[in-house]
C-alpha atoms as a PDB file:
ATOM      1  CA  MET A   1      74.966  92.949 107.052  1.00  0.00           C
ATOM      2  CA  ASP A   2      75.375  92.075 110.744  1.00  0.00           C
ATOM      3  CA  ASP A   3      78.114  93.452 113.047  1.00  0.00           C
ATOM      4  CA  ARG A   4      80.379  90.403 112.648  1.00  0.00           C
ATOM      5  CA  ALA A   5      80.272  90.693 108.863  1.00  0.00           C
ATOM      6  CA  ILE A   6      80.915  94.436 109.028  1.00  0.00           C
ATOM      7  CA  GLU A   7      83.901  93.875 111.337  1.00  0.00           C
ATOM      8  CA  ALA A   8      85.313  91.115 109.110  1.00  0.00           C
ATOM      9  CA  THR A   9      84.989  93.326 106.034  1.00  0.00           C
ATOM     10  CA  ILE A  10      86.671  96.259 107.808  1.00  0.00           C
ATOM     11  CA  ARG A  11      89.571  94.040 108.954  1.00  0.00           C
ATOM     12  CA  SER A  12      90.049  92.586 105.486  1.00  0.00           C
ATOM     13  CA  TYR A  13      89.849  95.971 103.804  1.00  0.00           C
ATOM     14  CA  MET A  14      92.275  97.684 106.207  1.00  0.00           C
ATOM     15  CA  GLN A  15      94.822  94.926 105.638  1.00  0.00           C
ATOM     16  CA  GLN A  16      94.936  95.922 101.953  1.00  0.00           C
ATOM     17  CA  VAL A  17      95.337  99.696 102.438  1.00  0.00           C
ATOM     18  CA  ILE A  18      98.281 101.570 103.981  1.00  0.00           C
ATOM     19  CA  HIS A  19      97.066 105.189 103.728  1.00  0.00           C
ATOM     20  CA  MET A  20      94.802 106.812 106.276  1.00  0.00           C
ATOM     21  CA  SER A  21      93.480 110.377 106.295  1.00  0.00           C
ATOM     22  CA  ILE A  22      92.880 111.915 109.713  1.00  0.00           C
ATOM     23  CA  ALA A  23      91.036 115.122 110.550  1.00  0.00           C
ATOM     24  CA  THR A  24      92.002 117.184 113.587  1.00  0.00           C
ATOM     25  CA  ALA A  25      90.818 120.599 114.689  1.00  0.00           C
ATOM     26  CA  SER A  26      92.087 123.484 116.722  1.00  0.00           C
ATOM     27  CA  ASP A  27      90.697 127.014 117.139  1.00  0.00           C
ATOM     28  CA  ASN A  28      87.672 126.027 115.001  1.00  0.00           C
ATOM     29  CA  ARG A  29      90.012 125.239 112.133  1.00  0.00           C
ATOM     30  CA  PRO A  30      89.932 121.708 110.702  1.00  0.00           C
ATOM     31  CA  ARG A  31      92.968 120.012 109.163  1.00  0.00           C
ATOM     32  CA  VAL A  32      93.344 116.749 107.310  1.00  0.00           C
ATOM     33  CA  PHE A  33      96.602 114.840 106.998  1.00  0.00           C
ATOM     34  CA  GLU A  34      97.636 111.592 105.371  1.00  0.00           C
ATOM     35  CA  VAL A  35      99.762 108.925 107.068  1.00  0.00           C
ATOM     36  CA  HIS A  36     100.775 105.308 106.688  1.00  0.00           C
ATOM     37  CA  PHE A  37      98.988 103.348 109.368  1.00  0.00           C
ATOM     38  CA  ALA A  38      98.994 100.018 111.170  1.00  0.00           C
ATOM     39  CA  PHE A  39      96.413  98.414 113.428  1.00  0.00           C
ATOM     40  CA  ASP A  40      96.310  95.814 116.167  1.00  0.00           C
ATOM     41  CA  ASP A  41      93.882  92.968 116.864  1.00  0.00           C
ATOM     42  CA  ASP A  42      91.556  95.374 118.720  1.00  0.00           C
ATOM     43  CA  LEU A  43      91.489  97.673 115.669  1.00  0.00           C
ATOM     44  CA  ASN A  44      93.392 100.459 117.386  1.00  0.00           C
ATOM     45  CA  LEU A  45      95.061 102.534 114.668  1.00  0.00           C
ATOM     46  CA  TYR A  46      98.715 103.656 114.822  1.00  0.00           C
ATOM     47  CA  TRP A  47     100.931 106.003 112.848  1.00  0.00           C
ATOM     48  CA  MET A  48     104.269 107.704 113.387  1.00  0.00           C
ATOM     49  CA  SER A  49     104.666 111.452 113.175  1.00  0.00           C
ATOM     50  CA  SER A  50     106.787 114.393 114.213  1.00  0.00           C
ATOM     51  CA  GLN A  51     105.871 115.934 117.541  1.00  0.00           C
ATOM     52  CA  ARG A  52     106.251 119.340 115.880  1.00  0.00           C
ATOM     53  CA  ALA A  53     103.622 118.680 113.183  1.00  0.00           C
ATOM     54  CA  GLN A  54     100.494 120.817 113.396  1.00  0.00           C
ATOM     55  CA  HIS A  55      98.267 117.748 113.713  1.00  0.00           C
ATOM     56  CA  SER A  56     100.351 116.543 116.680  1.00  0.00           C
ATOM     57  CA  ALA A  57      99.803 119.893 118.398  1.00  0.00           C
ATOM     58  CA  ASP A  58      96.089 119.698 117.561  1.00  0.00           C
ATOM     59  CA  ILE A  59      95.841 116.277 119.219  1.00  0.00           C
ATOM     60  CA  LYS A  60      97.466 117.583 122.415  1.00  0.00           C
ATOM     61  CA  ASN A  61      94.618 120.100 122.696  1.00  0.00           C
ATOM     62  CA  ASN A  62      91.750 118.020 121.298  1.00  0.00           C
ATOM     63  CA  ILE A  63      91.926 114.215 121.215  1.00  0.00           C
ATOM     64  CA  HIS A  64      88.792 113.811 119.076  1.00  0.00           C
ATOM     65  CA  VAL A  65      89.578 112.843 115.485  1.00  0.00           C
ATOM     66  CA  SER A  66      87.796 111.466 112.455  1.00  0.00           C
ATOM     67  CA  GLY A  67      89.255 109.804 109.429  1.00  0.00           C
ATOM     68  CA  THR A  68      88.997 107.607 106.402  1.00  0.00           C
ATOM     69  CA  ILE A  69      90.787 104.596 105.017  1.00  0.00           C
ATOM     70  CA  VAL A  70      90.026 104.475 101.315  1.00  0.00           C
ATOM     71  CA  THR A  71      91.763 103.333  98.172  1.00  0.00           C
ATOM     72  CA  HIS A  72      91.573 105.571  95.137  1.00  0.00           C
ATOM     73  CA  HIS A  73      88.662 104.595  92.931  1.00  0.00           C
ATOM     74  CA  PHE A  74      88.348 105.012  89.196  1.00  0.00           C
ATOM     75  CA  LEU A  75      85.414 106.691  87.509  1.00  0.00           C
ATOM     76  CA  ASN A  76      82.418 104.315  87.493  1.00  0.00           C
ATOM     77  CA  GLN A  77      84.153 101.892  89.868  1.00  0.00           C
ATOM     78  CA  LYS A  78      82.033 100.691  92.778  1.00  0.00           C
ATOM     79  CA  PRO A  79      83.436 102.255  95.969  1.00  0.00           C
ATOM     80  CA  ARG A  80      84.282 100.733  99.296  1.00  0.00           C
ATOM     81  CA  GLY A  81      85.934 102.445 102.230  1.00  0.00           C
ATOM     82  CA  VAL A  82      86.135 102.795 105.988  1.00  0.00           C
ATOM     83  CA  ALA A  83      85.501 105.912 108.050  1.00  0.00           C
ATOM     84  CA  PHE A  84      85.938 106.267 111.798  1.00  0.00           C
ATOM     85  CA  ASP A  85      85.615 108.533 114.818  1.00  0.00           C
ATOM     86  CA  GLY A  86      87.878 108.127 117.816  1.00  0.00           C
ATOM     87  CA  GLU A  87      90.320 109.522 120.316  1.00  0.00           C
ATOM     88  CA  ALA A  88      93.971 110.048 119.428  1.00  0.00           C
ATOM     89  CA  THR A  89      96.851 110.101 121.875  1.00  0.00           C
ATOM     90  CA  VAL A  90     100.612 109.966 121.707  1.00  0.00           C
ATOM     91  CA  VAL A  91     102.114 106.639 122.764  1.00  0.00           C
ATOM     92  CA  ASP A  92     104.449 107.798 125.524  1.00  0.00           C
ATOM     93  CA  VAL A  93     106.385 104.587 126.157  1.00  0.00           C
ATOM     94  CA  VAL A  94     107.436 102.179 123.429  1.00  0.00           C
ATOM     95  CA  ASP A  95     109.546  99.064 123.656  1.00  0.00           C
ATOM     96  CA  GLU A  96     109.694  95.828 121.671  1.00  0.00           C
ATOM     97  CA  ASP A  97     106.783  94.376 123.681  1.00  0.00           C
ATOM     98  CA  SER A  98     104.375  97.290 123.267  1.00  0.00           C
ATOM     99  CA  ARG A  99     101.307  96.810 121.071  1.00  0.00           C
ATOM    100  CA  ALA A 100     102.044  99.972 119.105  1.00  0.00           C
ATOM    101  CA  TYR A 101     105.586  98.857 118.286  1.00  0.00           C
ATOM    102  CA  GLN A 102     104.507  95.350 117.341  1.00  0.00           C
ATOM    103  CA  ALA A 103     101.648  96.521 115.106  1.00  0.00           C
ATOM    104  CA  TYR A 104     103.625  99.227 113.327  1.00  0.00           C
ATOM    105  CA  GLY A 105     106.832  97.186 113.110  1.00  0.00           C
ATOM    106  CA  ALA A 106     105.034  94.154 111.675  1.00  0.00           C
ATOM    107  CA  ARG A 107     103.322  96.189 108.980  1.00  0.00           C
ATOM    108  CA  PHE A 108     106.336  98.347 108.124  1.00  0.00           C
ATOM    109  CA  ALA A 109     109.278  96.074 108.915  1.00  0.00           C
ATOM    110  CA  ASP A 110     111.649  98.426 107.093  1.00  0.00           C
ATOM    111  CA  ARG A 111     110.898 101.129 109.682  1.00  0.00           C
ATOM    112  CA  ASP A 112     110.815  99.246 112.983  1.00  0.00           C
ATOM    113  CA  ALA A 113     114.462  99.924 113.860  1.00  0.00           C
ATOM    114  CA  GLY A 114     113.796 103.665 113.611  1.00  0.00           C
ATOM    115  CA  ILE A 115     110.954 103.561 116.103  1.00  0.00           C
ATOM    116  CA  LEU A 116     113.068 102.806 119.153  1.00  0.00           C
ATOM    117  CA  SER A 117     115.810 105.238 118.156  1.00  0.00           C
ATOM    118  CA  ALA A 118     113.202 108.010 117.663  1.00  0.00           C
ATOM    119  CA  TYR A 119     112.045 107.446 121.237  1.00  0.00           C
ATOM    120  CA  GLU A 120     115.609 107.907 122.505  1.00  0.00           C
ATOM    121  CA  ASN A 121     115.401 111.522 121.314  1.00  0.00           C
ATOM    122  CA  PRO A 122     113.027 113.643 123.462  1.00  0.00           C
ATOM    123  CA  GLU A 123     112.087 115.603 120.326  1.00  0.00           C
ATOM    124  CA  GLY A 124     111.974 112.585 118.007  1.00  0.00           C
ATOM    125  CA  ALA A 125     108.961 111.279 116.145  1.00  0.00           C
ATOM    126  CA  ARG A 126     106.353 109.402 118.139  1.00  0.00           C
ATOM    127  CA  LEU A 127     103.790 106.730 117.532  1.00  0.00           C
ATOM    128  CA  TYR A 128     100.207 107.897 117.887  1.00  0.00           C
ATOM    129  CA  LYS A 129      97.197 105.734 118.627  1.00  0.00           C
ATOM    130  CA  ILE A 130      93.538 106.148 117.783  1.00  0.00           C
ATOM    131  CA  ALA A 131      91.118 104.295 120.024  1.00  0.00           C
ATOM    132  CA  VAL A 132      88.227 104.038 117.582  1.00  0.00           C
ATOM    133  CA  GLN A 133      84.758 104.648 118.991  1.00  0.00           C
ATOM    134  CA  ASP A 134      82.759 104.117 115.782  1.00  0.00           C
ATOM    135  CA  PHE A 135      83.524 102.563 112.425  1.00  0.00           C
ATOM    136  CA  TYR A 136      81.551 103.158 109.243  1.00  0.00           C
ATOM    137  CA  LEU A 137      81.833 100.805 106.291  1.00  0.00           C
ATOM    138  CA  ILE A 138      80.812 102.485 103.061  1.00  0.00           C
ATOM    139  CA  ASP A 139      80.067  99.583 100.757  1.00  0.00           C
ATOM    140  CA  GLY A 140      79.139 100.026  97.131  1.00  0.00           C
ATOM    141  CA  LEU A 141      80.082  96.542  95.985  1.00  0.00           C
ATOM    142  CA  GLY A 142      76.521  95.185  96.182  1.00  0.00           C
ATOM    143  CA  ASP A 143      73.612  95.881  93.907  1.00  0.00           C
ATOM    144  CA  GLY A 144      72.195  99.376  94.143  1.00  0.00           C
ATOM    145  CA  PRO A 145      73.701 102.518  95.643  1.00  0.00           C
ATOM    146  CA  PRO A 146      76.460 102.406  98.277  1.00  0.00           C
ATOM    147  CA  VAL A 147      75.317 101.486 101.790  1.00  0.00           C
ATOM    148  CA  LYS A 148      76.785 102.956 104.978  1.00  0.00           C
ATOM    149  CA  HIS A 149      77.051 100.399 107.799  1.00  0.00           C
ATOM    150  CA  HIS A 150      77.728 101.598 111.364  1.00  0.00           C
ATOM    151  CA  LEU A 151      79.773  99.508 113.802  1.00  0.00           C
ATOM    152  CA  LYS A 152      79.883 100.803 117.377  1.00  0.00           C
ATOM    153  CA  TRP A 153      83.375  99.958 118.567  1.00  0.00           C
ATOM    154  CA  GLY A 154      84.457 101.983 121.617  1.00  0.00           C
ATOM    155  CA  GLY A 155      85.599 100.192 124.728  1.00  0.00           C
ATOM    156  CA  ARG A 156      86.632  96.909 123.112  1.00  0.00           C
ATOM    157  CA  GLU A 157      90.242  96.968 124.311  1.00  0.00           C
END
């Protein structure tokens, strides 16, 4: 599978899934958390979270994250999923024209009004962004065992 096919498969797959697991670390202690996510045309990933959450504090101290976007598979079902490595940051400024707001608001239209009001509160929830450096498509839909395809992605903004 060439890079264009891997990218197309990742885009198609991510459109179908709303849950993302993200791993952070602090003091040599890893943590994994689950969020609803959105993405933009450059495959930057976004989610909204409390600034007081442990993973938000972890990201302030260490921007390097890894994660997965995977549906739940049944026993004997051929798996497919996306994994990634990247750098996570809080989105400091959000308005109706920002990419983060547009991506998250389009995917979760029932929540977009709450985004701007959260930003009015200095302690309110914030959108976070992952600038993905590497994608991995784990594809078991073909013949044979699952294949892991690597797509170098960093710097495509």
